[in-house]
Structure formats: C-alpha cells, structure tokens
Amino acid sequence: MKVTLRKVGQAYEIYVPKKDLEEKVVEAERPGIWGGVIRIANGWRFQMPEMAAETPLPITVEARKLGDEDA
C-alpha cells in the first residue's frame, strides 16, 4: 500500500491516499522509522521498507499493512 511519510516536529505522520487517512505514528519497532513495524493512531500497523535513516521527508513508499494475524 502506498503511504506518504512526513515529519512534524519530533513526530512522524503517515498519509494513506487510498483511504484519505492521515494519522500520527504512535509506536515504532525500531528507533528510526525504517525497516520495522510502526503503529499509527487508529491502530493500523505497517511494515516499513528498509531505507537510510537520513532519507529526506516527505516521501511516498510502499508499506505492507499488517493485519491481526501478523502480530
């Protein structure tokens, strides 16, 4: 699923165009945003792609939405 990630202050926000949804990232599996699982404010979880920590934002990437069975 294509998502756009941006940084607002010290927090990350994610926008999902297909759902017209914009939410804050509330939890990240890794210290950075890349390569791990993130959870957004509405409870959805995404597997983020591996990218360099200094990747400029905003950026649109392909992230895999995880369901409850992927927990």
PDB file of N, CA and C in Angstrom:
ATOM      1  N   MET A   1       0.852  -1.162   0.000  1.00  0.00           N
ATOM      2  CA  MET A   1       0.000   0.000   0.000  1.00  0.00           C
ATOM      3  C   MET A   1       0.905   1.233   0.000  1.00  0.00           C
ATOM      4  N   LYS A   2       0.624   2.154  -0.882  1.00  0.00           N
ATOM      5  CA  LYS A   2       1.424   3.375  -0.937  1.00  0.00           C
ATOM      6  C   LYS A   2       1.028   4.290   0.224  1.00  0.00           C
ATOM      7  N   VAL A   3       2.049   4.794   0.920  1.00  0.00           N
ATOM      8  CA  VAL A   3       1.832   5.733   2.014  1.00  0.00           C
ATOM      9  C   VAL A   3       2.854   6.859   1.884  1.00  0.00           C
ATOM     10  N   THR A   4       2.473   8.026   2.359  1.00  0.00           N
ATOM     11  CA  THR A   4       3.387   9.163   2.386  1.00  0.00           C
ATOM     12  C   THR A   4       3.737   9.440   3.836  1.00  0.00           C
ATOM     13  N   LEU A   5       5.025   9.549   4.093  1.00  0.00           N
ATOM     14  CA  LEU A   5       5.518   9.771   5.451  1.00  0.00           C
ATOM     15  C   LEU A   5       6.148  11.153   5.521  1.00  0.00           C
ATOM     16  N   ARG A   6       5.834  11.880   6.587  1.00  0.00           N
ATOM     17  CA  ARG A   6       6.467  13.179   6.810  1.00  0.00           C
ATOM     18  C   ARG A   6       6.755  13.337   8.291  1.00  0.00           C
ATOM     19  N   LYS A   7       7.614  14.291   8.605  1.00  0.00           N
ATOM     20  CA  LYS A   7       7.956  14.553   9.998  1.00  0.00           C
ATOM     21  C   LYS A   7       7.415  15.921  10.372  1.00  0.00           C
ATOM     22  N   VAL A   8       6.719  15.983  11.501  1.00  0.00           N
ATOM     23  CA  VAL A   8       6.161  17.228  12.019  1.00  0.00           C
ATOM     24  C   VAL A   8       6.739  17.410  13.418  1.00  0.00           C
ATOM     25  N   GLY A   9       7.664  18.338  13.569  1.00  0.00           N
ATOM     26  CA  GLY A   9       8.372  18.479  14.839  1.00  0.00           C
ATOM     27  C   GLY A   9       9.195  17.233  15.078  1.00  0.00           C
ATOM     28  N   GLN A  10       8.990  16.562  16.199  1.00  0.00           N
ATOM     29  CA  GLN A  10       9.690  15.323  16.510  1.00  0.00           C
ATOM     30  C   GLN A  10       8.871  14.083  16.165  1.00  0.00           C
ATOM     31  N   ALA A  11       7.637  14.284  15.704  1.00  0.00           N
ATOM     32  CA  ALA A  11       6.736  13.162  15.418  1.00  0.00           C
ATOM     33  C   ALA A  11       6.648  12.900  13.916  1.00  0.00           C
ATOM     34  N   TYR A  12       6.298  11.657  13.583  1.00  0.00           N
ATOM     35  CA  TYR A  12       6.051  11.283  12.196  1.00  0.00           C
ATOM     36  C   TYR A  12       4.552  11.208  11.965  1.00  0.00           C
ATOM     37  N   GLU A  13       4.142  11.551  10.754  1.00  0.00           N
ATOM     38  CA  GLU A  13       2.753  11.390  10.333  1.00  0.00           C
ATOM     39  C   GLU A  13       2.750  10.584   9.052  1.00  0.00           C
ATOM     40  N   ILE A  14       1.684   9.828   8.860  1.00  0.00           N
ATOM     41  CA  ILE A  14       1.553   8.998   7.673  1.00  0.00           C
ATOM     42  C   ILE A  14       0.226   9.338   7.006  1.00  0.00           C
ATOM     43  N   TYR A  15       0.248   9.387   5.675  1.00  0.00           N
ATOM     44  CA  TYR A  15      -0.953   9.647   4.897  1.00  0.00           C
ATOM     45  C   TYR A  15      -1.169   8.461   3.963  1.00  0.00           C
ATOM     46  N   VAL A  16      -2.384   7.921   3.983  1.00  0.00           N
ATOM     47  CA  VAL A  16      -2.749   6.787   3.131  1.00  0.00           C
ATOM     48  C   VAL A  16      -3.741   7.316   2.097  1.00  0.00           C
ATOM     49  N   PRO A  17      -3.261   7.592   0.861  1.00  0.00           N
ATOM     50  CA  PRO A  17      -4.136   8.201  -0.148  1.00  0.00           C
ATOM     51  C   PRO A  17      -5.380   7.385  -0.484  1.00  0.00           C
ATOM     52  N   LYS A  18      -5.261   6.060  -0.576  1.00  0.00           N
ATOM     53  CA  LYS A  18      -6.417   5.224  -0.933  1.00  0.00           C
ATOM     54  C   LYS A  18      -7.552   5.358   0.066  1.00  0.00           C
ATOM     55  N   LYS A  19      -7.224   5.648   1.306  1.00  0.00           N
ATOM     56  CA  LYS A  19      -8.236   5.760   2.364  1.00  0.00           C
ATOM     57  C   LYS A  19      -8.476   7.209   2.777  1.00  0.00           C
ATOM     58  N   ASP A  20      -7.739   8.153   2.165  1.00  0.00           N
ATOM     59  CA  ASP A  20      -7.765   9.560   2.556  1.00  0.00           C
ATOM     60  C   ASP A  20      -7.634   9.680   4.072  1.00  0.00           C
ATOM     61  N   LEU A  21      -6.602   9.019   4.593  1.00  0.00           N
ATOM     62  CA  LEU A  21      -6.381   8.911   6.030  1.00  0.00           C
ATOM     63  C   LEU A  21      -5.030   9.514   6.396  1.00  0.00           C
ATOM     64  N   GLU A  22      -5.023  10.393   7.381  1.00  0.00           N
ATOM     65  CA  GLU A  22      -3.782  10.968   7.894  1.00  0.00           C
ATOM     66  C   GLU A  22      -3.753  10.743   9.395  1.00  0.00           C
ATOM     67  N   GLU A  23      -2.692  10.096   9.881  1.00  0.00           N
ATOM     68  CA  GLU A  23      -2.585   9.756  11.307  1.00  0.00           C
ATOM     69  C   GLU A  23      -1.149   9.915  11.776  1.00  0.00           C
ATOM     70  N   LYS A  24      -0.994  10.123  13.064  1.00  0.00           N
ATOM     71  CA  LYS A  24       0.337  10.170  13.678  1.00  0.00           C
ATOM     72  C   LYS A  24       0.851   8.754  13.906  1.00  0.00           C
ATOM     73  N   VAL A  25       2.171   8.595  13.772  1.00  0.00           N
ATOM     74  CA  VAL A  25       2.821   7.337  14.124  1.00  0.00           C
ATOM     75  C   VAL A  25       2.983   7.363  15.640  1.00  0.00           C
ATOM     76  N   VAL A  26       2.396   6.377  16.333  1.00  0.00           N
ATOM     77  CA  VAL A  26       2.415   6.368  17.794  1.00  0.00           C
ATOM     78  C   VAL A  26       3.397   5.353  18.367  1.00  0.00           C
ATOM     79  N   GLU A  27       3.875   4.428  17.526  1.00  0.00           N
ATOM     80  CA  GLU A  27       4.806   3.409  18.012  1.00  0.00           C
ATOM     81  C   GLU A  27       5.659   2.920  16.851  1.00  0.00           C
ATOM     82  N   ALA A  28       6.948   2.715  17.116  1.00  0.00           N
ATOM     83  CA  ALA A  28       7.850   2.175  16.096  1.00  0.00           C
ATOM     84  C   ALA A  28       8.689   1.074  16.725  1.00  0.00           C
ATOM     85  N   GLU A  29       8.835  -0.020  15.984  1.00  0.00           N
ATOM     86  CA  GLU A  29       9.594  -1.172  16.459  1.00  0.00           C
ATOM     87  C   GLU A  29      11.081  -0.844  16.605  1.00  0.00           C
ATOM     88  N   ARG A  30      11.584   0.027  15.750  1.00  0.00           N
ATOM     89  CA  ARG A  30      12.996   0.413  15.749  1.00  0.00           C
ATOM     90  C   ARG A  30      13.120   1.883  16.124  1.00  0.00           C
ATOM     91  N   PRO A  31      14.312   2.308  16.545  1.00  0.00           N
ATOM     92  CA  PRO A  31      14.498   3.720  16.899  1.00  0.00           C
ATOM     93  C   PRO A  31      14.145   4.669  15.755  1.00  0.00           C
ATOM     94  N   GLY A  32      14.481   4.296  14.529  1.00  0.00           N
ATOM     95  CA  GLY A  32      14.076   5.090  13.370  1.00  0.00           C
ATOM     96  C   GLY A  32      12.747   4.568  12.858  1.00  0.00           C
ATOM     97  N   ILE A  33      12.320   5.082  11.743  1.00  0.00           N
ATOM     98  CA  ILE A  33      11.021   4.691  11.183  1.00  0.00           C
ATOM     99  C   ILE A  33      11.161   3.568  10.166  1.00  0.00           C
ATOM    100  N   TRP A  34      12.380   3.348   9.658  1.00  0.00           N
ATOM    101  CA  TRP A  34      12.581   2.447   8.525  1.00  0.00           C
ATOM    102  C   TRP A  34      12.903   1.018   8.939  1.00  0.00           C
ATOM    103  N   GLY A  35      12.342   0.072   8.177  1.00  0.00           N
ATOM    104  CA  GLY A  35      12.696  -1.332   8.317  1.00  0.00           C
ATOM    105  C   GLY A  35      11.959  -2.112   9.380  1.00  0.00           C
ATOM    106  N   GLY A  36      11.165  -1.463  10.180  1.00  0.00           N
ATOM    107  CA  GLY A  36      10.432  -2.157  11.234  1.00  0.00           C
ATOM    108  C   GLY A  36       8.937  -1.957  11.093  1.00  0.00           C
ATOM    109  N   VAL A  37       8.231  -2.386  12.109  1.00  0.00           N
ATOM    110  CA  VAL A  37       6.773  -2.238  12.140  1.00  0.00           C
ATOM    111  C   VAL A  37       6.441  -0.959  12.889  1.00  0.00           C
ATOM    112  N   ILE A  38       5.515  -0.189  12.319  1.00  0.00           N
ATOM    113  CA  ILE A  38       5.012   1.005  13.004  1.00  0.00           C
ATOM    114  C   ILE A  38       3.522   0.826  13.261  1.00  0.00           C
ATOM    115  N   ARG A  39       3.025   1.546  14.263  1.00  0.00           N
ATOM    116  CA  ARG A  39       1.584   1.568  14.545  1.00  0.00           C
ATOM    117  C   ARG A  39       1.151   3.023  14.500  1.00  0.00           C
ATOM    118  N   ILE A  40       0.010   3.278  13.853  1.00  0.00           N
ATOM    119  CA  ILE A  40      -0.498   4.637  13.779  1.00  0.00           C
ATOM    120  C   ILE A  40      -1.662   4.801  14.754  1.00  0.00           C
ATOM    121  N   ALA A  41      -2.100   6.032  14.942  1.00  0.00           N
ATOM    122  CA  ALA A  41      -3.075   6.359  15.984  1.00  0.00           C
ATOM    123  C   ALA A  41      -4.383   5.571  15.888  1.00  0.00           C
ATOM    124  N   ASN A  42      -4.804   5.172  14.699  1.00  0.00           N
ATOM    125  CA  ASN A  42      -6.062   4.423  14.585  1.00  0.00           C
ATOM    126  C   ASN A  42      -5.873   2.922  14.829  1.00  0.00           C
ATOM    127  N   GLY A  43      -4.644   2.486  15.137  1.00  0.00           N
ATOM    128  CA  GLY A  43      -4.380   1.083  15.449  1.00  0.00           C
ATOM    129  C   GLY A  43      -3.796   0.279  14.302  1.00  0.00           C
ATOM    130  N   TRP A  44      -3.813   0.802  13.079  1.00  0.00           N
ATOM    131  CA  TRP A  44      -3.241   0.072  11.951  1.00  0.00           C
ATOM    132  C   TRP A  44      -1.741  -0.074  12.135  1.00  0.00           C
ATOM    133  N   ARG A  45      -1.212  -1.174  11.612  1.00  0.00           N
ATOM    134  CA  ARG A  45       0.232  -1.416  11.662  1.00  0.00           C
ATOM    135  C   ARG A  45       0.759  -1.614  10.246  1.00  0.00           C
ATOM    136  N   PHE A  46       1.965  -1.114  10.012  1.00  0.00           N
ATOM    137  CA  PHE A  46       2.607  -1.223   8.706  1.00  0.00           C
ATOM    138  C   PHE A  46       4.029  -1.723   8.863  1.00  0.00           C
ATOM    139  N   GLN A  47       4.448  -2.587   7.947  1.00  0.00           N
ATOM    140  CA  GLN A  47       5.851  -2.981   7.839  1.00  0.00           C
ATOM    141  C   GLN A  47       6.486  -1.969   6.892  1.00  0.00           C
ATOM    142  N   MET A  48       7.425  -1.196   7.410  1.00  0.00           N
ATOM    143  CA  MET A  48       8.057  -0.157   6.607  1.00  0.00           C
ATOM    144  C   MET A  48       9.252  -0.728   5.850  1.00  0.00           C
ATOM    145  N   PRO A  49       9.550  -0.173   4.679  1.00  0.00           N
ATOM    146  CA  PRO A  49      10.693  -0.659   3.900  1.00  0.00           C
ATOM    147  C   PRO A  49      12.024  -0.237   4.548  1.00  0.00           C
ATOM    148  N   GLU A  50      13.081  -0.962   4.218  1.00  0.00           N
ATOM    149  CA  GLU A  50      14.426  -0.591   4.659  1.00  0.00           C
ATOM    150  C   GLU A  50      14.880   0.613   3.845  1.00  0.00           C
ATOM    151  N   MET A  51      15.264   1.681   4.536  1.00  0.00           N
ATOM    152  CA  MET A  51      15.794   2.871   3.872  1.00  0.00           C
ATOM    153  C   MET A  51      16.814   3.500   4.803  1.00  0.00           C
ATOM    154  N   ALA A  52      17.653   4.346   4.266  1.00  0.00           N
ATOM    155  CA  ALA A  52      18.666   5.038   5.072  1.00  0.00           C
ATOM    156  C   ALA A  52      17.980   5.990   6.053  1.00  0.00           C
ATOM    157  N   ALA A  53      18.557   6.105   7.239  1.00  0.00           N
ATOM    158  CA  ALA A  53      17.984   6.970   8.281  1.00  0.00           C
ATOM    159  C   ALA A  53      17.883   8.422   7.821  1.00  0.00           C
ATOM    160  N   GLU A  54      18.791   8.859   6.967  1.00  0.00           N
ATOM    161  CA  GLU A  54      18.797  10.254   6.516  1.00  0.00           C
ATOM    162  C   GLU A  54      17.965  10.491   5.253  1.00  0.00           C
ATOM    163  N   THR A  55      17.092   9.550   4.905  1.00  0.00           N
ATOM    164  CA  THR A  55      16.211   9.712   3.745  1.00  0.00           C
ATOM    165  C   THR A  55      15.373  10.978   3.921  1.00  0.00           C
ATOM    166  N   PRO A  56      15.404  11.880   2.920  1.00  0.00           N
ATOM    167  CA  PRO A  56      14.638  13.130   3.056  1.00  0.00           C
ATOM    168  C   PRO A  56      13.131  12.883   3.055  1.00  0.00           C
ATOM    169  N   LEU A  57      12.432  13.630   3.883  1.00  0.00           N
ATOM    170  CA  LEU A  57      10.976  13.541   4.001  1.00  0.00           C
ATOM    171  C   LEU A  57      10.373  14.849   3.537  1.00  0.00           C
ATOM    172  N   PRO A  58       9.157  14.886   3.014  1.00  0.00           N
ATOM    173  CA  PRO A  58       8.219  13.770   2.881  1.00  0.00           C
ATOM    174  C   PRO A  58       8.613  12.848   1.729  1.00  0.00           C
ATOM    175  N   ILE A  59       8.159  11.607   1.836  1.00  0.00           N
ATOM    176  CA  ILE A  59       8.440  10.598   0.819  1.00  0.00           C
ATOM    177  C   ILE A  59       7.264   9.628   0.740  1.00  0.00           C
ATOM    178  N   THR A  60       6.972   9.171  -0.464  1.00  0.00           N
ATOM    179  CA  THR A  60       5.942   8.152  -0.670  1.00  0.00           C
ATOM    180  C   THR A  60       6.637   6.821  -0.892  1.00  0.00           C
ATOM    181  N   VAL A  61       6.228   5.818  -0.124  1.00  0.00           N
ATOM    182  CA  VAL A  61       6.844   4.491  -0.186  1.00  0.00           C
ATOM    183  C   VAL A  61       5.756   3.423  -0.216  1.00  0.00           C
ATOM    184  N   GLU A  62       6.165   2.211  -0.536  1.00  0.00           N
ATOM    185  CA  GLU A  62       5.280   1.054  -0.490  1.00  0.00           C
ATOM    186  C   GLU A  62       5.479   0.389   0.871  1.00  0.00           C
ATOM    187  N   ALA A  63       4.443   0.382   1.706  1.00  0.00           N
ATOM    188  CA  ALA A  63       4.495  -0.252   3.026  1.00  0.00           C
ATOM    189  C   ALA A  63       3.429  -1.338   3.071  1.00  0.00           C
ATOM    190  N   ARG A  64       3.711  -2.406   3.806  1.00  0.00           N
ATOM    191  CA  ARG A  64       2.753  -3.515   3.888  1.00  0.00           C
ATOM    192  C   ARG A  64       1.887  -3.336   5.129  1.00  0.00           C
ATOM    193  N   LYS A  65       0.578  -3.240   4.910  1.00  0.00           N
ATOM    194  CA  LYS A  65      -0.352  -3.143   6.039  1.00  0.00           C
ATOM    195  C   LYS A  65      -0.483  -4.528   6.663  1.00  0.00           C
ATOM    196  N   LEU A  66      -0.298  -4.584   7.968  1.00  0.00           N
ATOM    197  CA  LEU A  66      -0.362  -5.841   8.696  1.00  0.00           C
ATOM    198  C   LEU A  66      -1.722  -5.990   9.352  1.00  0.00           C
ATOM    199  N   GLY A  67      -2.245  -7.194   9.312  1.00  0.00           N
ATOM    200  CA  GLY A  67      -3.498  -7.497   9.991  1.00  0.00           C
ATOM    201  C   GLY A  67      -3.214  -8.119  11.351  1.00  0.00           C
ATOM    202  N   ASP A  68      -4.243  -8.446  12.098  1.00  0.00           N
ATOM    203  CA  ASP A  68      -4.094  -9.039  13.425  1.00  0.00           C
ATOM    204  C   ASP A  68      -3.351 -10.358  13.369  1.00  0.00           C
ATOM    205  N   GLU A  69      -3.492 -11.093  12.268  1.00  0.00           N
ATOM    206  CA  GLU A  69      -2.830 -12.401  12.162  1.00  0.00           C
ATOM    207  C   GLU A  69      -1.322 -12.251  12.015  1.00  0.00           C
ATOM    208  N   ASP A  70      -0.815 -11.030  11.703  1.00  0.00           N
ATOM    209  CA  ASP A  70       0.609 -10.787  11.544  1.00  0.00           C
ATOM    210  C   ASP A  70       1.269 -10.318  12.847  1.00  0.00           C
ATOM    211  N   ALA A  71       0.535 -10.311  13.931  1.00  0.00           N
ATOM    212  CA  ALA A  71       1.045  -9.783  15.205  1.00  0.00           C
ATOM    213  C   ALA A  71       2.170 -10.626  15.752  1.00  0.00           C
TER     214      ALA A  71
END
